[in-house]
Structure formats: structure tokens, C-alpha cells
């Protein structure tokens, strides 16, 4: 039996449509006054400068209250995440070539090859 070819897209490079119009998933990493001990969602190896960037940007907002135009870490010029290795679980679970990915690409006229 011959395996079927895997259809595109082959990469997230130059796309980033899933990072726009959804708010900023990295808000889940923001510091909260009422947290005691380790942050429940933030990676333990998240650099201090990224924690400061998040905390400064969100200034007490919680997920859903942030501006919705694009993720804080999305670089619109390069159309990619500036801190991909530290992206939150929501971003890690977004499937390249999945139903939502293909739908967004089609809606925005992005080539799928």
C-alpha cells in the first residue's frame, strides 16, 4: 500500500495568522498578587526579562482582558513568534495543517503549499 502524501502547509514560517485577533495567550504567564509559590502556568525556565515584559505589558489584566489585535510576542514584520521556545500551551496545541489552521489560511488568502 502506498502512503498518501502529506498536504501542506509544511511550516508556520511567514504565516502567523493564528497569532492575530485572538488576544495574547502569553497573558497566562503574567504575575498575579494572589499566587503563592511557583506560578501555576509559567515555565520554570522563562527568562526574567520575558517575565518583566509580560508583567509590564499586562499590568494586572487577566487572559481575555488584553487587547485582541495580536499576541504580545508576535512579530508582524517577520510574521512569527519572537519567543517560540517559550510559547504557552494554547500555542503548542494549535495544529499546523489542522482544521483551524487551514480555515484561517483559506479565509485570509494564504497559500497552503
PDB file of N, CA and C in Angstrom:
ATOM      1  N   UNK A   1       0.846  -1.170   0.000  1.00  0.00           N
ATOM      2  CA  UNK A   1       0.000   0.000   0.000  1.00  0.00           C
ATOM      3  C   UNK A   1       0.896   1.239   0.000  1.00  0.00           C
ATOM      4  N   UNK A   2       0.623   2.180  -0.870  1.00  0.00           N
ATOM      5  CA  UNK A   2       1.388   3.416  -0.971  1.00  0.00           C
ATOM      6  C   UNK A   2       0.796   4.456  -0.022  1.00  0.00           C
ATOM      7  N   UNK A   3       1.645   5.038   0.845  1.00  0.00           N
ATOM      8  CA  UNK A   3       1.113   6.075   1.760  1.00  0.00           C
ATOM      9  C   UNK A   3       0.694   7.321   0.989  1.00  0.00           C
ATOM     10  N   UNK A   4      -0.324   7.956   1.485  1.00  0.00           N
ATOM     11  CA  UNK A   4      -0.788   9.199   0.870  1.00  0.00           C
ATOM     12  C   UNK A   4       0.189  10.319   1.200  1.00  0.00           C
ATOM     13  N   UNK A   5       0.381  11.267   0.285  1.00  0.00           N
ATOM     14  CA  UNK A   5       1.272  12.394   0.597  1.00  0.00           C
ATOM     15  C   UNK A   5       0.647  13.298   1.653  1.00  0.00           C
ATOM     16  N   UNK A   6       1.494  13.878   2.465  1.00  0.00           N
ATOM     17  CA  UNK A   6       1.029  14.833   3.461  1.00  0.00           C
ATOM     18  C   UNK A   6       0.832  16.168   2.763  1.00  0.00           C
ATOM     19  N   UNK A   7      -0.343  16.741   2.914  1.00  0.00           N
ATOM     20  CA  UNK A   7      -0.641  18.018   2.278  1.00  0.00           C
ATOM     21  C   UNK A   7      -0.140  19.165   3.132  1.00  0.00           C
ATOM     22  N   UNK A   8       0.112  20.305   2.504  1.00  0.00           N
ATOM     23  CA  UNK A   8       0.608  21.482   3.198  1.00  0.00           C
ATOM     24  C   UNK A   8      -0.404  22.034   4.162  1.00  0.00           C
ATOM     25  N   UNK A   9      -0.041  23.014   4.902  1.00  0.00           N
ATOM     26  CA  UNK A   9       1.246  23.695   4.866  1.00  0.00           C
ATOM     27  C   UNK A   9       2.340  22.876   5.542  1.00  0.00           C
ATOM     28  N   UNK A  10       3.568  23.121   5.105  1.00  0.00           N
ATOM     29  CA  UNK A  10       4.697  22.392   5.657  1.00  0.00           C
ATOM     30  C   UNK A  10       5.336  23.111   6.835  1.00  0.00           C
ATOM     31  N   UNK A  11       5.004  24.389   7.009  1.00  0.00           N
ATOM     32  CA  UNK A  11       5.653  25.185   8.046  1.00  0.00           C
ATOM     33  C   UNK A  11       4.748  26.346   8.465  1.00  0.00           C
ATOM     34  N   UNK A  12       5.031  26.870   9.651  1.00  0.00           N
ATOM     35  CA  UNK A  12       4.354  28.073  10.134  1.00  0.00           C
ATOM     36  C   UNK A  12       5.074  29.337   9.647  1.00  0.00           C
ATOM     37  N   UNK A  13       6.252  29.164   9.081  1.00  0.00           N
ATOM     38  CA  UNK A  13       7.089  30.299   8.687  1.00  0.00           C
ATOM     39  C   UNK A  13       6.330  31.268   7.787  1.00  0.00           C
ATOM     40  N   UNK A  14       6.377  32.541   8.162  1.00  0.00           N
ATOM     41  CA  UNK A  14       5.783  33.589   7.357  1.00  0.00           C
ATOM     42  C   UNK A  14       4.264  33.659   7.408  1.00  0.00           C
ATOM     43  N   UNK A  15       3.632  32.911   8.287  1.00  0.00           N
ATOM     44  CA  UNK A  15       2.173  32.928   8.373  1.00  0.00           C
ATOM     45  C   UNK A  15       1.750  33.767   9.579  1.00  0.00           C
ATOM     46  N   UNK A  16       1.619  33.147  10.726  1.00  0.00           N
ATOM     47  CA  UNK A  16       1.257  33.858  11.946  1.00  0.00           C
ATOM     48  C   UNK A  16      -0.187  34.289  12.063  1.00  0.00           C
ATOM     49  N   UNK A  17      -1.048  33.825  11.174  1.00  0.00           N
ATOM     50  CA  UNK A  17      -2.446  34.238  11.253  1.00  0.00           C
ATOM     51  C   UNK A  17      -3.114  33.770  12.537  1.00  0.00           C
ATOM     52  N   UNK A  18      -2.635  32.673  13.111  1.00  0.00           N
ATOM     53  CA  UNK A  18      -3.211  32.194  14.367  1.00  0.00           C
ATOM     54  C   UNK A  18      -2.818  33.081  15.545  1.00  0.00           C
ATOM     55  N   UNK A  19      -1.862  33.988  15.346  1.00  0.00           N
ATOM     56  CA  UNK A  19      -1.403  34.900  16.408  1.00  0.00           C
ATOM     57  C   UNK A  19      -2.135  36.239  16.386  1.00  0.00           C
ATOM     58  N   UNK A  20      -2.988  36.429  15.403  1.00  0.00           N
ATOM     59  CA  UNK A  20      -3.694  37.697  15.248  1.00  0.00           C
ATOM     60  C   UNK A  20      -5.176  37.545  15.559  1.00  0.00           C
ATOM     61  N   UNK A  21      -5.721  38.562  16.220  1.00  0.00           N
ATOM     62  CA  UNK A  21      -7.149  38.590  16.505  1.00  0.00           C
ATOM     63  C   UNK A  21      -7.597  37.650  17.603  1.00  0.00           C
ATOM     64  N   UNK A  22      -6.658  37.176  18.423  1.00  0.00           N
ATOM     65  CA  UNK A  22      -7.002  36.218  19.479  1.00  0.00           C
ATOM     66  C   UNK A  22      -6.616  36.717  20.855  1.00  0.00           C
ATOM     67  N   UNK A  23      -6.136  37.921  20.955  1.00  0.00           N
ATOM     68  CA  UNK A  23      -5.600  38.386  22.228  1.00  0.00           C
ATOM     69  C   UNK A  23      -4.164  37.936  22.347  1.00  0.00           C
ATOM     70  N   UNK A  24      -3.734  37.682  23.551  1.00  0.00           N
ATOM     71  CA  UNK A  24      -2.342  37.320  23.773  1.00  0.00           C
ATOM     72  C   UNK A  24      -2.261  36.151  24.738  1.00  0.00           C
ATOM     73  N   UNK A  25      -2.105  34.933  24.225  1.00  0.00           N
ATOM     74  CA  UNK A  25      -2.031  33.775  25.109  1.00  0.00           C
ATOM     75  C   UNK A  25      -0.952  33.870  26.184  1.00  0.00           C
ATOM     76  N   UNK A  26       0.097  34.656  25.969  1.00  0.00           N
ATOM     77  CA  UNK A  26       1.157  34.765  26.975  1.00  0.00           C
ATOM     78  C   UNK A  26       0.667  35.481  28.233  1.00  0.00           C
ATOM     79  N   UNK A  27      -0.538  36.052  28.210  1.00  0.00           N
ATOM     80  CA  UNK A  27      -1.100  36.665  29.422  1.00  0.00           C
ATOM     81  C   UNK A  27      -1.223  35.640  30.539  1.00  0.00           C
ATOM     82  N   UNK A  28      -1.316  34.362  30.173  1.00  0.00           N
ATOM     83  CA  UNK A  28      -1.404  33.312  31.183  1.00  0.00           C
ATOM     84  C   UNK A  28      -0.132  33.244  32.034  1.00  0.00           C
ATOM     85  N   UNK A  29       0.974  33.803  31.537  1.00  0.00           N
ATOM     86  CA  UNK A  29       2.248  33.813  32.263  1.00  0.00           C
ATOM     87  C   UNK A  29       2.411  35.038  33.169  1.00  0.00           C
ATOM     88  N   UNK A  30       1.465  35.957  33.144  1.00  0.00           N
ATOM     89  CA  UNK A  30       1.597  37.186  33.929  1.00  0.00           C
ATOM     90  C   UNK A  30       1.556  36.884  35.424  1.00  0.00           C
ATOM     91  N   UNK A  31       2.279  37.687  36.188  1.00  0.00           N
ATOM     92  CA  UNK A  31       2.303  37.539  37.646  1.00  0.00           C
ATOM     93  C   UNK A  31       0.977  38.000  38.233  1.00  0.00           C
ATOM     94  N   UNK A  32       0.553  37.338  39.280  1.00  0.00           N
ATOM     95  CA  UNK A  32      -0.666  37.707  39.992  1.00  0.00           C
ATOM     96  C   UNK A  32      -0.336  37.854  41.467  1.00  0.00           C
ATOM     97  N   UNK A  33      -0.903  38.842  42.087  1.00  0.00           N
ATOM     98  CA  UNK A  33      -0.623  39.091  43.510  1.00  0.00           C
ATOM     99  C   UNK A  33      -1.021  37.924  44.404  1.00  0.00           C
ATOM    100  N   UNK A  34      -2.098  37.235  44.073  1.00  0.00           N
ATOM    101  CA  UNK A  34      -2.611  36.193  44.954  1.00  0.00           C
ATOM    102  C   UNK A  34      -1.954  34.826  44.750  1.00  0.00           C
ATOM    103  N   UNK A  35      -1.006  34.713  43.832  1.00  0.00           N
ATOM    104  CA  UNK A  35      -0.302  33.443  43.665  1.00  0.00           C
ATOM    105  C   UNK A  35       0.697  33.288  44.795  1.00  0.00           C
ATOM    106  N   UNK A  36       0.682  32.153  45.414  1.00  0.00           N
ATOM    107  CA  UNK A  36       1.692  31.850  46.414  1.00  0.00           C
ATOM    108  C   UNK A  36       2.588  30.755  45.871  1.00  0.00           C
ATOM    109  N   UNK A  37       3.876  30.903  45.992  1.00  0.00           N
ATOM    110  CA  UNK A  37       4.799  29.892  45.484  1.00  0.00           C
ATOM    111  C   UNK A  37       5.010  30.011  43.991  1.00  0.00           C
ATOM    112  N   UNK A  38       5.275  28.877  43.355  1.00  0.00           N
ATOM    113  CA  UNK A  38       5.550  28.862  41.915  1.00  0.00           C
ATOM    114  C   UNK A  38       4.310  29.245  41.111  1.00  0.00           C
ATOM    115  N   UNK A  39       4.530  29.925  40.006  1.00  0.00           N
ATOM    116  CA  UNK A  39       3.447  30.295  39.097  1.00  0.00           C
ATOM    117  C   UNK A  39       2.861  29.005  38.518  1.00  0.00           C
ATOM    118  N   UNK A  40       1.548  28.865  38.512  1.00  0.00           N
ATOM    119  CA  UNK A  40       0.948  27.601  38.075  1.00  0.00           C
ATOM    120  C   UNK A  40       1.046  27.314  36.572  1.00  0.00           C
ATOM    121  N   UNK A  41       1.297  28.326  35.746  1.00  0.00           N
ATOM    122  CA  UNK A  41       1.296  28.119  34.293  1.00  0.00           C
ATOM    123  C   UNK A  41       2.619  28.459  33.618  1.00  0.00           C
ATOM    124  N   UNK A  42       3.416  29.286  34.235  1.00  0.00           N
ATOM    125  CA  UNK A  42       4.634  29.798  33.612  1.00  0.00           C
ATOM    126  C   UNK A  42       5.745  28.745  33.622  1.00  0.00           C
ATOM    127  N   UNK A  43       6.468  28.579  32.507  1.00  0.00           N
ATOM    128  CA  UNK A  43       7.602  27.655  32.502  1.00  0.00           C
ATOM    129  C   UNK A  43       8.646  28.089  33.536  1.00  0.00           C
ATOM    130  N   UNK A  44       9.231  27.130  34.212  1.00  0.00           N
ATOM    131  CA  UNK A  44      10.212  27.461  35.251  1.00  0.00           C
ATOM    132  C   UNK A  44      11.470  28.092  34.672  1.00  0.00           C
ATOM    133  N   UNK A  45      11.739  27.853  33.391  1.00  0.00           N
ATOM    134  CA  UNK A  45      12.935  28.422  32.765  1.00  0.00           C
ATOM    135  C   UNK A  45      12.655  29.709  31.974  1.00  0.00           C
ATOM    136  N   UNK A  46      11.477  30.295  32.159  1.00  0.00           N
ATOM    137  CA  UNK A  46      11.154  31.540  31.456  1.00  0.00           C
ATOM    138  C   UNK A  46      12.086  32.650  31.954  1.00  0.00           C
ATOM    139  N   UNK A  47      12.865  33.248  31.037  1.00  0.00           N
ATOM    140  CA  UNK A  47      13.829  34.274  31.451  1.00  0.00           C
ATOM    141  C   UNK A  47      13.163  35.477  32.128  1.00  0.00           C
ATOM    142  N   UNK A  48      13.878  36.056  33.079  1.00  0.00           N
ATOM    143  CA  UNK A  48      13.377  37.196  33.862  1.00  0.00           C
ATOM    144  C   UNK A  48      12.964  38.358  32.963  1.00  0.00           C
ATOM    145  N   UNK A  49      13.699  38.597  31.880  1.00  0.00           N
ATOM    146  CA  UNK A  49      13.344  39.717  31.002  1.00  0.00           C
ATOM    147  C   UNK A  49      12.013  39.484  30.288  1.00  0.00           C
ATOM    148  N   UNK A  50      11.661  38.230  30.010  1.00  0.00           N
ATOM    149  CA  UNK A  50      10.357  37.947  29.401  1.00  0.00           C
ATOM    150  C   UNK A  50       9.243  38.075  30.427  1.00  0.00           C
ATOM    151  N   UNK A  51       9.503  37.659  31.666  1.00  0.00           N
ATOM    152  CA  UNK A  51       8.527  37.840  32.735  1.00  0.00           C
ATOM    153  C   UNK A  51       8.247  39.323  32.928  1.00  0.00           C
ATOM    154  N   UNK A  52       9.302  40.138  32.948  1.00  0.00           N
ATOM    155  CA  UNK A  52       9.139  41.591  33.108  1.00  0.00           C
ATOM    156  C   UNK A  52       8.358  42.177  31.937  1.00  0.00           C
ATOM    157  N   UNK A  53       8.651  41.733  30.713  1.00  0.00           N
ATOM    158  CA  UNK A  53       7.934  42.225  29.531  1.00  0.00           C
ATOM    159  C   UNK A  53       6.442  41.919  29.647  1.00  0.00           C
ATOM    160  N   UNK A  54       6.116  40.709  30.040  1.00  0.00           N
ATOM    161  CA  UNK A  54       4.716  40.297  30.189  1.00  0.00           C
ATOM    162  C   UNK A  54       4.032  41.098  31.291  1.00  0.00           C
ATOM    163  N   UNK A  55       4.675  41.157  32.456  1.00  0.00           N
ATOM    164  CA  UNK A  55       4.076  41.866  33.594  1.00  0.00           C
ATOM    165  C   UNK A  55       3.894  43.347  33.301  1.00  0.00           C
ATOM    166  N   UNK A  56       4.866  43.970  32.644  1.00  0.00           N
ATOM    167  CA  UNK A  56       4.753  45.386  32.281  1.00  0.00           C
ATOM    168  C   UNK A  56       3.624  45.607  31.273  1.00  0.00           C
ATOM    169  N   UNK A  57       3.508  44.712  30.312  1.00  0.00           N
ATOM    170  CA  UNK A  57       2.515  44.875  29.248  1.00  0.00           C
ATOM    171  C   UNK A  57       1.079  44.686  29.764  1.00  0.00           C
ATOM    172  N   UNK A  58       0.877  43.680  30.606  1.00  0.00           N
ATOM    173  CA  UNK A  58      -0.475  43.367  31.035  1.00  0.00           C
ATOM    174  C   UNK A  58      -0.906  44.102  32.294  1.00  0.00           C
ATOM    175  N   UNK A  59       0.022  44.549  33.094  1.00  0.00           N
ATOM    176  CA  UNK A  59      -0.260  45.406  34.265  1.00  0.00           C
ATOM    177  C   UNK A  59      -1.550  45.039  34.993  1.00  0.00           C
ATOM    178  N   UNK A  60      -1.666  43.779  35.388  1.00  0.00           N
ATOM    179  CA  UNK A  60      -2.807  43.352  36.193  1.00  0.00           C
ATOM    180  C   UNK A  60      -3.983  42.810  35.406  1.00  0.00           C
ATOM    181  N   UNK A  61      -3.948  42.856  34.085  1.00  0.00           N
ATOM    182  CA  UNK A  61      -5.028  42.276  33.290  1.00  0.00           C
ATOM    183  C   UNK A  61      -4.938  40.756  33.346  1.00  0.00           C
ATOM    184  N   UNK A  62      -6.023  40.088  33.114  1.00  0.00           N
ATOM    185  CA  UNK A  62      -6.029  38.638  33.023  1.00  0.00           C
ATOM    186  C   UNK A  62      -6.403  38.246  31.600  1.00  0.00           C
ATOM    187  N   UNK A  63      -6.181  36.971  31.269  1.00  0.00           N
ATOM    188  CA  UNK A  63      -6.486  36.465  29.930  1.00  0.00           C
ATOM    189  C   UNK A  63      -7.921  36.818  29.575  1.00  0.00           C
ATOM    190  N   UNK A  64      -8.114  37.421  28.416  1.00  0.00           N
ATOM    191  CA  UNK A  64      -9.424  37.848  27.948  1.00  0.00           C
ATOM    192  C   UNK A  64      -9.634  39.348  28.080  1.00  0.00           C
ATOM    193  N   UNK A  65      -8.830  40.006  28.926  1.00  0.00           N
ATOM    194  CA  UNK A  65      -8.936  41.454  29.095  1.00  0.00           C
ATOM    195  C   UNK A  65      -7.891  42.195  28.253  1.00  0.00           C
ATOM    196  N   UNK A  66      -6.949  41.449  27.705  1.00  0.00           N
ATOM    197  CA  UNK A  66      -5.876  42.084  26.936  1.00  0.00           C
ATOM    198  C   UNK A  66      -6.371  42.550  25.566  1.00  0.00           C
ATOM    199  N   UNK A  67      -5.652  43.484  24.920  1.00  0.00           N
ATOM    200  CA  UNK A  67      -6.017  43.889  23.557  1.00  0.00           C
ATOM    201  C   UNK A  67      -6.062  42.658  22.644  1.00  0.00           C
ATOM    202  N   UNK A  68      -7.020  42.629  21.743  1.00  0.00           N
ATOM    203  CA  UNK A  68      -7.261  41.439  20.925  1.00  0.00           C
ATOM    204  C   UNK A  68      -6.552  41.427  19.572  1.00  0.00           C
ATOM    205  N   UNK A  69      -5.885  42.510  19.181  1.00  0.00           N
ATOM    206  CA  UNK A  69      -5.374  42.560  17.803  1.00  0.00           C
ATOM    207  C   UNK A  69      -4.304  41.522  17.495  1.00  0.00           C
ATOM    208  N   UNK A  70      -3.384  41.259  18.419  1.00  0.00           N
ATOM    209  CA  UNK A  70      -2.369  40.228  18.187  1.00  0.00           C
ATOM    210  C   UNK A  70      -1.668  39.890  19.486  1.00  0.00           C
ATOM    211  N   UNK A  71      -0.993  38.771  19.486  1.00  0.00           N
ATOM    212  CA  UNK A  71      -0.245  38.334  20.657  1.00  0.00           C
ATOM    213  C   UNK A  71       0.932  39.268  20.909  1.00  0.00           C
ATOM    214  N   UNK A  72       1.243  39.490  22.167  1.00  0.00           N
ATOM    215  CA  UNK A  72       2.374  40.323  22.563  1.00  0.00           C
ATOM    216  C   UNK A  72       3.666  39.857  21.912  1.00  0.00           C
ATOM    217  N   UNK A  73       3.848  38.587  21.781  1.00  0.00           N
ATOM    218  CA  UNK A  73       5.108  38.049  21.249  1.00  0.00           C
ATOM    219  C   UNK A  73       5.122  37.902  19.732  1.00  0.00           C
ATOM    220  N   UNK A  74       4.046  38.229  19.050  1.00  0.00           N
ATOM    221  CA  UNK A  74       4.004  38.098  17.590  1.00  0.00           C
ATOM    222  C   UNK A  74       4.747  39.260  16.946  1.00  0.00           C
ATOM    223  N   UNK A  75       5.683  38.940  16.061  1.00  0.00           N
ATOM    224  CA  UNK A  75       6.423  39.942  15.290  1.00  0.00           C
ATOM    225  C   UNK A  75       5.727  40.073  13.940  1.00  0.00           C
ATOM    226  N   UNK A  76       4.964  41.158  13.712  1.00  0.00           N
ATOM    227  CA  UNK A  76       4.203  41.274  12.464  1.00  0.00           C
ATOM    228  C   UNK A  76       5.082  41.451  11.225  1.00  0.00           C
ATOM    229  N   UNK A  77       6.283  41.981  11.383  1.00  0.00           N
ATOM    230  CA  UNK A  77       7.172  42.154  10.225  1.00  0.00           C
ATOM    231  C   UNK A  77       7.700  40.790   9.753  1.00  0.00           C
ATOM    232  N   UNK A  78       8.098  39.945  10.685  1.00  0.00           N
ATOM    233  CA  UNK A  78       8.620  38.622  10.341  1.00  0.00           C
ATOM    234  C   UNK A  78       7.524  37.557  10.285  1.00  0.00           C
ATOM    235  N   UNK A  79       6.341  37.917  10.812  1.00  0.00           N
ATOM    236  CA  UNK A  79       5.183  37.019  10.868  1.00  0.00           C
ATOM    237  C   UNK A  79       5.518  35.722  11.590  1.00  0.00           C
ATOM    238  N   UNK A  80       6.094  35.890  12.789  1.00  0.00           N
ATOM    239  CA  UNK A  80       6.423  34.734  13.621  1.00  0.00           C
ATOM    240  C   UNK A  80       6.508  35.140  15.083  1.00  0.00           C
ATOM    241  N   UNK A  81       6.552  34.136  15.946  1.00  0.00           N
ATOM    242  CA  UNK A  81       6.657  34.364  17.378  1.00  0.00           C
ATOM    243  C   UNK A  81       8.088  34.772  17.731  1.00  0.00           C
ATOM    244  N   UNK A  82       8.215  35.815  18.543  1.00  0.00           N
ATOM    245  CA  UNK A  82       9.545  36.274  18.963  1.00  0.00           C
ATOM    246  C   UNK A  82      10.173  35.358  20.007  1.00  0.00           C
ATOM    247  N   UNK A  83       9.363  34.573  20.703  1.00  0.00           N
ATOM    248  CA  UNK A  83       9.874  33.703  21.772  1.00  0.00           C
ATOM    249  C   UNK A  83       9.234  32.320  21.650  1.00  0.00           C
ATOM    250  N   UNK A  84       9.358  31.738  20.478  1.00  0.00           N
ATOM    251  CA  UNK A  84       8.692  30.477  20.130  1.00  0.00           C
ATOM    252  C   UNK A  84       8.960  29.362  21.139  1.00  0.00           C
ATOM    253  N   UNK A  85      10.174  29.250  21.644  1.00  0.00           N
ATOM    254  CA  UNK A  85      10.514  28.170  22.570  1.00  0.00           C
ATOM    255  C   UNK A  85       9.765  28.270  23.894  1.00  0.00           C
ATOM    256  N   UNK A  86       9.245  29.443  24.204  1.00  0.00           N
ATOM    257  CA  UNK A  86       8.531  29.658  25.468  1.00  0.00           C
ATOM    258  C   UNK A  86       7.033  29.848  25.271  1.00  0.00           C
ATOM    259  N   UNK A  87       6.514  29.586  24.094  1.00  0.00           N
ATOM    260  CA  UNK A  87       5.092  29.815  23.817  1.00  0.00           C
ATOM    261  C   UNK A  87       4.213  29.016  24.776  1.00  0.00           C
ATOM    262  N   UNK A  88       3.043  29.548  25.086  1.00  0.00           N
ATOM    263  CA  UNK A  88       2.141  28.878  26.038  1.00  0.00           C
ATOM    264  C   UNK A  88       1.497  27.614  25.448  1.00  0.00           C
ATOM    265  N   UNK A  89       0.895  26.797  26.303  1.00  0.00           N
ATOM    266  CA  UNK A  89       0.273  25.546  25.850  1.00  0.00           C
ATOM    267  C   UNK A  89      -0.742  25.743  24.721  1.00  0.00           C
ATOM    268  N   UNK A  90      -1.541  26.786  24.776  1.00  0.00           N
ATOM    269  CA  UNK A  90      -2.527  27.039  23.722  1.00  0.00           C
ATOM    270  C   UNK A  90      -1.854  27.083  22.352  1.00  0.00           C
ATOM    271  N   UNK A  91      -0.712  27.729  22.278  1.00  0.00           N
ATOM    272  CA  UNK A  91       0.022  27.839  21.018  1.00  0.00           C
ATOM    273  C   UNK A  91       0.670  26.509  20.634  1.00  0.00           C
ATOM    274  N   UNK A  92       1.158  25.788  21.608  1.00  0.00           N
ATOM    275  CA  UNK A  92       1.789  24.486  21.346  1.00  0.00           C
ATOM    276  C   UNK A  92       0.775  23.477  20.815  1.00  0.00           C
ATOM    277  N   UNK A  93      -0.471  23.612  21.239  1.00  0.00           N
ATOM    278  CA  UNK A  93      -1.509  22.660  20.854  1.00  0.00           C
ATOM    279  C   UNK A  93      -2.177  23.008  19.525  1.00  0.00           C
ATOM    280  N   UNK A  94      -1.931  24.208  19.012  1.00  0.00           N
ATOM    281  CA  UNK A  94      -2.532  24.621  17.738  1.00  0.00           C
ATOM    282  C   UNK A  94      -1.863  23.821  16.630  1.00  0.00           C
ATOM    283  N   UNK A  95      -2.612  23.022  15.927  1.00  0.00           N
ATOM    284  CA  UNK A  95      -2.054  22.075  14.983  1.00  0.00           C
ATOM    285  C   UNK A  95      -1.786  22.688  13.608  1.00  0.00           C
ATOM    286  N   UNK A  96      -0.518  22.674  13.203  1.00  0.00           N
ATOM    287  CA  UNK A  96      -0.146  23.081  11.849  1.00  0.00           C
ATOM    288  C   UNK A  96      -0.866  22.174  10.863  1.00  0.00           C
ATOM    289  N   UNK A  97      -1.625  22.747   9.964  1.00  0.00           N
ATOM    290  CA  UNK A  97      -2.374  21.961   8.987  1.00  0.00           C
ATOM    291  C   UNK A  97      -3.672  21.392   9.526  1.00  0.00           C
ATOM    292  N   UNK A  98      -3.997  21.731  10.766  1.00  0.00           N
ATOM    293  CA  UNK A  98      -5.265  21.285  11.346  1.00  0.00           C
ATOM    294  C   UNK A  98      -6.420  22.089  10.778  1.00  0.00           C
ATOM    295  N   UNK A  99      -7.603  21.730  11.176  1.00  0.00           N
ATOM    296  CA  UNK A  99      -8.814  22.365  10.651  1.00  0.00           C
ATOM    297  C   UNK A  99      -8.802  23.884  10.845  1.00  0.00           C
ATOM    298  N   UNK A 100      -8.463  24.350  12.070  1.00  0.00           N
ATOM    299  CA  UNK A 100      -8.456  25.792  12.344  1.00  0.00           C
ATOM    300  C   UNK A 100      -7.372  26.504  11.531  1.00  0.00           C
ATOM    301  N   UNK A 101      -6.208  25.892  11.436  1.00  0.00           N
ATOM    302  CA  UNK A 101      -5.097  26.473  10.668  1.00  0.00           C
ATOM    303  C   UNK A 101      -5.491  26.648   9.200  1.00  0.00           C
ATOM    304  N   UNK A 102      -5.993  25.593   8.601  1.00  0.00           N
ATOM    305  CA  UNK A 102      -6.362  25.650   7.186  1.00  0.00           C
ATOM    306  C   UNK A 102      -7.504  26.620   6.936  1.00  0.00           C
ATOM    307  N   UNK A 103      -8.450  26.677   7.858  1.00  0.00           N
ATOM    308  CA  UNK A 103      -9.572  27.595   7.725  1.00  0.00           C
ATOM    309  C   UNK A 103      -9.095  29.049   7.739  1.00  0.00           C
ATOM    310  N   UNK A 104      -8.209  29.381   8.690  1.00  0.00           N
ATOM    311  CA  UNK A 104      -7.669  30.745   8.755  1.00  0.00           C
ATOM    312  C   UNK A 104      -6.880  31.080   7.498  1.00  0.00           C
ATOM    313  N   UNK A 105      -6.053  30.174   7.041  1.00  0.00           N
ATOM    314  CA  UNK A 105      -5.246  30.412   5.849  1.00  0.00           C
ATOM    315  C   UNK A 105      -6.139  30.634   4.626  1.00  0.00           C
ATOM    316  N   UNK A 106      -7.176  29.831   4.496  1.00  0.00           N
ATOM    317  CA  UNK A 106      -8.101  29.982   3.375  1.00  0.00           C
ATOM    318  C   UNK A 106      -8.819  31.328   3.447  1.00  0.00           C
ATOM    319  N   UNK A 107      -9.331  31.651   4.657  1.00  0.00           N
ATOM    320  CA  UNK A 107     -10.069  32.902   4.870  1.00  0.00           C
ATOM    321  C   UNK A 107      -9.209  34.119   4.521  1.00  0.00           C
ATOM    322  N   UNK A 108      -7.917  34.043   4.807  1.00  0.00           N
ATOM    323  CA  UNK A 108      -7.024  35.180   4.589  1.00  0.00           C
ATOM    324  C   UNK A 108      -6.220  35.098   3.308  1.00  0.00           C
ATOM    325  N   UNK A 109      -6.541  34.111   2.477  1.00  0.00           N
ATOM    326  CA  UNK A 109      -5.912  34.003   1.170  1.00  0.00           C
ATOM    327  C   UNK A 109      -4.444  33.613   1.191  1.00  0.00           C
ATOM    328  N   UNK A 110      -4.039  32.807   2.174  1.00  0.00           N
ATOM    329  CA  UNK A 110      -2.659  32.378   2.288  1.00  0.00           C
ATOM    330  C   UNK A 110      -2.488  31.045   1.560  1.00  0.00           C
ATOM    331  N   UNK A 111      -1.429  30.953   0.743  1.00  0.00           N
ATOM    332  CA  UNK A 111      -1.151  29.714   0.046  1.00  0.00           C
ATOM    333  C   UNK A 111      -0.885  28.589   1.034  1.00  0.00           C
ATOM    334  N   UNK A 112      -1.345  27.395   0.715  1.00  0.00           N
ATOM    335  CA  UNK A 112      -1.211  26.262   1.618  1.00  0.00           C
ATOM    336  C   UNK A 112      -0.090  25.324   1.180  1.00  0.00           C
ATOM    337  N   UNK A 113       0.569  25.563   0.132  1.00  0.00           N
ATOM    338  CA  UNK A 113       1.612  24.638  -0.333  1.00  0.00           C
ATOM    339  C   UNK A 113       2.857  24.693   0.494  1.00  0.00           C
TER     340      UNK A 113
END
